[in-house]
Amino acid sequence: MNEEQAIIKHIVRFLTASGALAFVATSLHAAQNDPAANYPNKPIRFIVPFSPGAGTDVTARTIAQKLSEKWGHQVVADNRTGAGGAIGVDYAAKATPDGYTICLISASNSVNSATNPSLPYDLVKDLQGISQATSLFYVVYIHPSVPAKSGKELVAYAKANPGKLNFGSSGSNTLQHFAGELFNHMAGVKMVHVPYKGTAAVIPAMLSGEVQVGFGSLIGTRSQMQAGRLRGIAITAAKRSPSIDLPTVAESGVPGYEVDQWYGVITSSIVPQPIVRKLNAAIVEALQQPDVATRLAADGSTPIGSSPEQFNAHIKSEMAKWKKLVKEANLRLDK
């Protein structure tokens, strides 16, 4: 090899090495600018602000299983209950904003945020939506002693007997409470609210006759209705559901009535958008799986899978809805 050939060979080696180094540098720069490039690379904590076994818990664990299978990293459901779901949401709001802490909320959290100014977080400013997971109706059910076989008959009976009917809820300022108050307001009736400590306490109170009307999930009421101990008369959804053969409240004498006990996934408002988008795509994909739809249908849930923008707008509209009810119905709220 002469001197000229040696120089050419050296130049080729230099250019090749430089190109490789440039490629590596470009790749590293791209990874630094895309926080979702290597996400996730460790387990994700999925906060559930409600009790194990509830519809929220079932939904979170169903989604968590699918995400774990997709990514090969555990997505672990973590029940952090208390204060109407506020403790778990506050934990998610204050967690390290790296996308490794997400939280499942329900419509009850929008009621809480709309009516409780002393919460340690702002649901709109401190958190952001990833996706609405499901839509879920309540069943309006009554004690068999109530002489009503339909929603229209219930409205007629309540109007003829103001203050005689009690409706039970899982607590003051919860969605069940507001479902009853919205029914009162829109139907022009006066049923008396009786709060209990959690959904599990409402059914025994209903069976004993302490309260005569309730608004509850299908999974919590189905067995009692099938046994004839409670009578389902309507559902709170905007349209009928294949999960149960009942008309809507709107069809039953209260036009425009709708209460959706939706579930959705949120995280800290500071989590970078590329990570939020990656979480959204994976959650939507999970909700589209046939076995997920089948499992959630037992609770009367319908998978949704919305975009982050759509879910953020939905949260705001729900909060506005309940603030409007408080004002128009002149509700006195217990803190």
Foldseek 3Di string as FASTA:
>chain_A
DDPVVVVVVVVVVVVVVVVVVVVVVVVVVVCVVQLCPCPPPEEAEEEEQDDPPDLSNLLSVLLQVLVCVVPVYGHDYDHNYDPQSLRRVVCQLPPDQALRYKYKDWLQVLLCLLPPPPRPDRCQQFKFFLWFFWWFKWFKKFAPVPPDQALQRVLVVQAVPAAPAEEEDLAFSGLFQVLVLVCCVQSVGHHHYDYDNGPVVRVVCRLVPVGTITIGWCLVCVVCCVVVRMHTHAIQAPADAPLDPHGHSCVGRRNPGHDIGTMGMMGTPPRDPSSSNVVLVSSLVSSPDPVSQVSSVSRVIHTDRDHRVVVSVVSVVSSVVSNVSCVVSVDDGDD
